[in-house]
Amino acid sequence: MSNFSTETEEFVSVTKVGRNFGQYLEALQKDEKEKFIILRNNEPEAVLLTMEMYQMLQTKLQELEELLEDLVTSREIAARVEDKKNLKSAVTLEELGKRHGLEK
């Protein structure tokens, strides 16, 4: 691994990764690094990570999406409950007329 640095820096150029892909992959597999952020023209372009890390991130994303869906559902239910409470205290037009002596 003569051309490969084990510094804590995770940013690498696309050229460097292309020339030393195996070494970067090995560093990930040996847990020397969690990920490499690949730069093109000094801008982040992609991320290189292990399959295990990718699957873990996918699982967490799915869990978060499910939690968000549950939150939205619970807010919709709370709004419906509140609407029902408001309907129970609502007065019909006929009742309002009777209260104010406006019966036909």
N, C-alpha and C. Protein backbone atom coordinates (compact mmCIF):
# COMPACT_ATOMS: atom_id res chain seq x y z
N MET A 1 0.83 -1.19 0.00
CA MET A 1 0.00 0.00 0.00
C MET A 1 0.88 1.25 0.00
N SER A 2 1.76 1.32 -0.90
CA SER A 2 2.70 2.44 -0.93
C SER A 2 2.06 3.77 -1.26
N ASN A 3 1.10 3.80 -2.15
CA ASN A 3 0.45 5.05 -2.55
C ASN A 3 -0.74 5.41 -1.67
N PHE A 4 -1.06 4.56 -0.76
CA PHE A 4 -2.29 4.74 0.02
C PHE A 4 -1.98 5.32 1.38
N SER A 5 -2.70 6.39 1.73
CA SER A 5 -2.52 7.04 3.02
C SER A 5 -3.57 6.54 3.99
N THR A 6 -3.20 6.31 5.23
CA THR A 6 -4.15 5.89 6.26
C THR A 6 -4.48 7.05 7.19
N GLU A 7 -4.31 8.28 6.70
CA GLU A 7 -4.67 9.45 7.50
C GLU A 7 -6.17 9.42 7.77
N THR A 8 -6.60 10.26 8.69
CA THR A 8 -8.01 10.29 9.03
C THR A 8 -8.84 10.98 7.95
N GLU A 9 -8.21 11.62 7.00
CA GLU A 9 -8.92 12.33 5.93
C GLU A 9 -9.74 11.34 5.10
N GLU A 10 -11.01 11.64 4.92
CA GLU A 10 -11.90 10.76 4.16
C GLU A 10 -12.16 11.27 2.76
N PHE A 11 -11.73 12.48 2.44
CA PHE A 11 -11.97 13.04 1.11
C PHE A 11 -10.86 12.62 0.17
N VAL A 12 -11.23 12.05 -0.97
CA VAL A 12 -10.25 11.63 -1.97
C VAL A 12 -10.76 12.00 -3.36
N SER A 13 -9.82 12.25 -4.25
CA SER A 13 -10.20 12.61 -5.62
C SER A 13 -10.63 11.37 -6.38
N VAL A 14 -11.47 11.57 -7.37
CA VAL A 14 -11.93 10.47 -8.20
C VAL A 14 -10.75 9.82 -8.92
N THR A 15 -9.76 10.61 -9.27
CA THR A 15 -8.57 10.09 -9.94
C THR A 15 -7.80 9.15 -9.01
N LYS A 16 -7.62 9.58 -7.77
CA LYS A 16 -6.89 8.77 -6.79
C LYS A 16 -7.62 7.46 -6.51
N VAL A 17 -8.94 7.54 -6.38
CA VAL A 17 -9.72 6.32 -6.14
C VAL A 17 -9.62 5.39 -7.35
N GLY A 18 -9.70 5.98 -8.54
CA GLY A 18 -9.61 5.16 -9.75
C GLY A 18 -8.28 4.42 -9.85
N ARG A 19 -7.22 5.07 -9.44
CA ARG A 19 -5.89 4.46 -9.52
C ARG A 19 -5.64 3.44 -8.41
N ASN A 20 -6.30 3.62 -7.27
CA ASN A 20 -6.02 2.79 -6.08
C ASN A 20 -7.29 2.20 -5.49
N PHE A 21 -8.24 1.86 -6.33
CA PHE A 21 -9.54 1.40 -5.84
C PHE A 21 -9.42 0.25 -4.85
N GLY A 22 -8.63 -0.74 -5.16
CA GLY A 22 -8.46 -1.90 -4.29
C GLY A 22 -7.97 -1.53 -2.91
N GLN A 23 -7.09 -0.57 -2.85
CA GLN A 23 -6.55 -0.15 -1.55
C GLN A 23 -7.61 0.58 -0.73
N TYR A 24 -8.43 1.38 -1.38
CA TYR A 24 -9.50 2.06 -0.65
C TYR A 24 -10.54 1.05 -0.16
N LEU A 25 -10.86 0.09 -1.00
CA LEU A 25 -11.79 -0.95 -0.62
C LEU A 25 -11.25 -1.77 0.56
N GLU A 26 -9.98 -2.06 0.52
CA GLU A 26 -9.34 -2.81 1.60
C GLU A 26 -9.39 -2.01 2.91
N ALA A 27 -9.16 -0.72 2.83
CA ALA A 27 -9.22 0.12 4.04
C ALA A 27 -10.61 0.10 4.65
N LEU A 28 -11.63 0.09 3.81
CA LEU A 28 -13.01 -0.01 4.31
C LEU A 28 -13.24 -1.36 4.97
N GLN A 29 -12.81 -2.41 4.31
CA GLN A 29 -13.04 -3.76 4.81
C GLN A 29 -12.29 -4.03 6.11
N LYS A 30 -11.16 -3.39 6.29
CA LYS A 30 -10.38 -3.56 7.52
C LYS A 30 -10.83 -2.58 8.60
N ASP A 31 -11.90 -1.84 8.33
CA ASP A 31 -12.44 -0.84 9.27
C ASP A 31 -11.44 0.26 9.60
N GLU A 32 -10.49 0.50 8.69
CA GLU A 32 -9.59 1.64 8.86
C GLU A 32 -10.35 2.93 8.62
N LYS A 33 -11.36 2.83 7.76
CA LYS A 33 -12.21 3.98 7.43
C LYS A 33 -13.65 3.51 7.39
N GLU A 34 -14.56 4.44 7.67
CA GLU A 34 -15.99 4.13 7.58
C GLU A 34 -16.50 4.41 6.18
N LYS A 35 -15.91 5.44 5.55
CA LYS A 35 -16.35 5.82 4.21
C LYS A 35 -15.29 6.71 3.58
N PHE A 36 -15.37 6.85 2.27
CA PHE A 36 -14.56 7.82 1.55
C PHE A 36 -15.49 8.69 0.74
N ILE A 37 -15.32 9.98 0.85
CA ILE A 37 -16.09 10.92 0.05
C ILE A 37 -15.25 11.24 -1.17
N ILE A 38 -15.79 10.92 -2.32
CA ILE A 38 -15.04 11.06 -3.57
C ILE A 38 -15.33 12.43 -4.18
N LEU A 39 -14.26 13.14 -4.47
CA LEU A 39 -14.37 14.48 -5.02
C LEU A 39 -14.08 14.49 -6.52
N ARG A 40 -14.87 15.27 -7.22
CA ARG A 40 -14.60 15.54 -8.64
C ARG A 40 -14.56 17.06 -8.75
N ASN A 41 -13.45 17.58 -9.25
CA ASN A 41 -13.25 19.04 -9.32
C ASN A 41 -13.44 19.69 -7.95
N ASN A 42 -12.92 19.03 -6.93
CA ASN A 42 -12.99 19.50 -5.53
C ASN A 42 -14.40 19.62 -4.98
N GLU A 43 -15.35 18.95 -5.58
CA GLU A 43 -16.73 18.93 -5.10
C GLU A 43 -17.12 17.49 -4.78
N PRO A 44 -17.81 17.24 -3.67
CA PRO A 44 -18.27 15.88 -3.35
C PRO A 44 -19.16 15.33 -4.47
N GLU A 45 -18.82 14.14 -4.94
CA GLU A 45 -19.53 13.53 -6.07
C GLU A 45 -20.18 12.20 -5.69
N ALA A 46 -19.51 11.45 -4.80
CA ALA A 46 -20.01 10.12 -4.45
C ALA A 46 -19.40 9.72 -3.10
N VAL A 47 -19.94 8.60 -2.58
CA VAL A 47 -19.42 8.06 -1.32
C VAL A 47 -19.12 6.59 -1.54
N LEU A 48 -17.96 6.16 -1.07
CA LEU A 48 -17.56 4.76 -1.14
C LEU A 48 -17.65 4.21 0.28
N LEU A 49 -18.46 3.16 0.45
CA LEU A 49 -18.59 2.54 1.76
C LEU A 49 -18.84 1.05 1.59
N THR A 50 -18.73 0.32 2.69
CA THR A 50 -18.92 -1.13 2.61
C THR A 50 -20.40 -1.47 2.41
N MET A 51 -20.64 -2.66 1.93
CA MET A 51 -22.01 -3.13 1.75
C MET A 51 -22.72 -3.19 3.09
N GLU A 52 -22.01 -3.61 4.12
CA GLU A 52 -22.58 -3.68 5.46
C GLU A 52 -23.07 -2.31 5.92
N MET A 53 -22.25 -1.28 5.70
CA MET A 53 -22.63 0.08 6.10
C MET A 53 -23.82 0.56 5.26
N TYR A 54 -23.79 0.26 3.97
CA TYR A 54 -24.89 0.65 3.09
C TYR A 54 -26.20 0.02 3.57
N GLN A 55 -26.17 -1.27 3.87
CA GLN A 55 -27.38 -1.97 4.33
C GLN A 55 -27.87 -1.41 5.66
N MET A 56 -26.94 -1.08 6.56
CA MET A 56 -27.31 -0.50 7.84
C MET A 56 -28.00 0.86 7.61
N LEU A 57 -27.45 1.67 6.72
CA LEU A 57 -28.05 2.97 6.42
C LEU A 57 -29.43 2.80 5.78
N GLN A 58 -29.58 1.82 4.91
CA GLN A 58 -30.87 1.55 4.29
C GLN A 58 -31.91 1.14 5.34
N THR A 59 -31.49 0.31 6.29
CA THR A 59 -32.38 -0.12 7.37
C THR A 59 -32.81 1.06 8.22
N LYS A 60 -31.85 1.91 8.58
CA LYS A 60 -32.17 3.09 9.39
C LYS A 60 -33.09 4.04 8.63
N LEU A 61 -32.85 4.20 7.35
CA LEU A 61 -33.71 5.05 6.53
C LEU A 61 -35.14 4.51 6.51
N GLN A 62 -35.28 3.21 6.33
CA GLN A 62 -36.60 2.59 6.33
C GLN A 62 -37.30 2.78 7.68
N GLU A 63 -36.55 2.61 8.76
CA GLU A 63 -37.13 2.81 10.09
C GLU A 63 -37.59 4.25 10.28
N LEU A 64 -36.79 5.20 9.83
CA LEU A 64 -37.16 6.61 9.94
C LEU A 64 -38.39 6.93 9.08
N GLU A 65 -38.45 6.36 7.89
CA GLU A 65 -39.62 6.58 7.04
C GLU A 65 -40.88 6.02 7.70
N GLU A 66 -40.77 4.86 8.34
CA GLU A 66 -41.91 4.27 9.04
C GLU A 66 -42.32 5.13 10.24
N LEU A 67 -41.33 5.64 10.97
CA LEU A 67 -41.64 6.52 12.10
C LEU A 67 -42.33 7.80 11.62
N LEU A 68 -41.86 8.35 10.52
CA LEU A 68 -42.48 9.55 9.97
C LEU A 68 -43.91 9.27 9.53
N GLU A 69 -44.12 8.13 8.90
CA GLU A 69 -45.47 7.74 8.49
C GLU A 69 -46.38 7.59 9.71
N ASP A 70 -45.87 6.97 10.77
CA ASP A 70 -46.64 6.83 12.01
C ASP A 70 -46.96 8.19 12.61
N LEU A 71 -46.02 9.09 12.58
CA LEU A 71 -46.24 10.44 13.11
C LEU A 71 -47.32 11.17 12.33
N VAL A 72 -47.24 11.08 11.01
CA VAL A 72 -48.26 11.72 10.18
C VAL A 72 -49.63 11.13 10.47
N THR A 73 -49.69 9.81 10.57
CA THR A 73 -50.96 9.14 10.86
C THR A 73 -51.51 9.56 12.22
N SER A 74 -50.63 9.62 13.22
CA SER A 74 -51.11 10.01 14.56
C SER A 74 -51.60 11.45 14.57
N ARG A 75 -50.97 12.31 13.80
CA ARG A 75 -51.44 13.71 13.73
C ARG A 75 -52.79 13.79 13.02
N GLU A 76 -52.98 12.97 11.98
CA GLU A 76 -54.27 12.94 11.29
C GLU A 76 -55.36 12.45 12.24
N ILE A 77 -55.05 11.42 13.01
CA ILE A 77 -56.03 10.89 13.98
C ILE A 77 -56.36 11.96 15.02
N ALA A 78 -55.35 12.63 15.53
CA ALA A 78 -55.57 13.67 16.54
C ALA A 78 -56.45 14.79 15.96
N ALA A 79 -56.23 15.15 14.72
CA ALA A 79 -57.04 16.19 14.08
C ALA A 79 -58.49 15.73 13.94
N ARG A 80 -58.70 14.46 13.59
CA ARG A 80 -60.07 13.94 13.47
C ARG A 80 -60.77 13.90 14.82
N VAL A 81 -60.04 13.50 15.86
CA VAL A 81 -60.61 13.48 17.20
C VAL A 81 -61.01 14.89 17.60
N GLU A 82 -60.17 15.86 17.33
CA GLU A 82 -60.46 17.25 17.65
C GLU A 82 -61.69 17.73 16.87
N ASP A 83 -61.77 17.34 15.60
CA ASP A 83 -62.94 17.71 14.78
C ASP A 83 -64.22 17.12 15.38
N LYS A 84 -64.15 15.87 15.85
CA LYS A 84 -65.33 15.24 16.45
C LYS A 84 -65.73 15.96 17.73
N LYS A 85 -64.74 16.40 18.52
CA LYS A 85 -65.04 17.15 19.74
C LYS A 85 -65.76 18.45 19.37
N ASN A 86 -65.28 19.09 18.34
CA ASN A 86 -65.89 20.34 17.90
C ASN A 86 -67.30 20.11 17.36
N LEU A 87 -67.53 18.98 16.71
CA LEU A 87 -68.87 18.67 16.19
C LEU A 87 -69.86 18.43 17.32
N LYS A 88 -69.39 17.83 18.42
CA LYS A 88 -70.28 17.56 19.55
C LYS A 88 -70.77 18.86 20.16
N SER A 89 -69.97 19.88 20.13
CA SER A 89 -70.39 21.16 20.71
C SER A 89 -71.04 22.07 19.68
N ALA A 90 -71.14 21.60 18.44
CA ALA A 90 -71.75 22.41 17.39
C ALA A 90 -73.27 22.48 17.60
N VAL A 91 -73.85 23.56 17.16
CA VAL A 91 -75.29 23.79 17.30
C VAL A 91 -75.88 23.87 15.90
N THR A 92 -76.99 23.17 15.70
CA THR A 92 -77.63 23.23 14.39
C THR A 92 -78.31 24.59 14.22
N LEU A 93 -78.62 24.92 13.01
CA LEU A 93 -79.28 26.19 12.71
C LEU A 93 -80.65 26.25 13.38
N GLU A 94 -81.33 25.12 13.39
CA GLU A 94 -82.65 25.04 14.02
C GLU A 94 -82.55 25.31 15.53
N GLU A 95 -81.56 24.69 16.20
CA GLU A 95 -81.37 24.92 17.63
C GLU A 95 -81.02 26.37 17.92
N LEU A 96 -80.22 26.95 17.06
CA LEU A 96 -79.82 28.35 17.23
C LEU A 96 -81.03 29.26 17.12
N GLY A 97 -81.91 28.95 16.17
CA GLY A 97 -83.12 29.73 16.01
C GLY A 97 -84.02 29.64 17.23
N LYS A 98 -84.16 28.44 17.79
CA LYS A 98 -84.97 28.25 18.99
C LYS A 98 -84.41 29.04 20.17
N ARG A 99 -83.12 29.05 20.34
CA ARG A 99 -82.46 29.76 21.44
C ARG A 99 -82.71 31.26 21.38
N HIS A 100 -82.84 31.75 20.18
CA HIS A 100 -82.96 33.20 20.00
C HIS A 100 -84.38 33.63 19.60
N GLY A 101 -85.30 32.70 19.76
CA GLY A 101 -86.70 33.02 19.50
C GLY A 101 -87.00 33.29 18.04
N LEU A 102 -86.29 32.64 17.16
CA LEU A 102 -86.50 32.85 15.74
C LEU A 102 -87.16 31.65 15.08
N GLU A 103 -88.01 30.97 15.83
CA GLU A 103 -88.69 29.79 15.28
C GLU A 103 -89.65 30.20 14.20
N LYS A 104 -89.81 29.35 13.24
CA LYS A 104 -90.76 29.63 12.16
C LYS A 104 -92.13 29.23 12.53
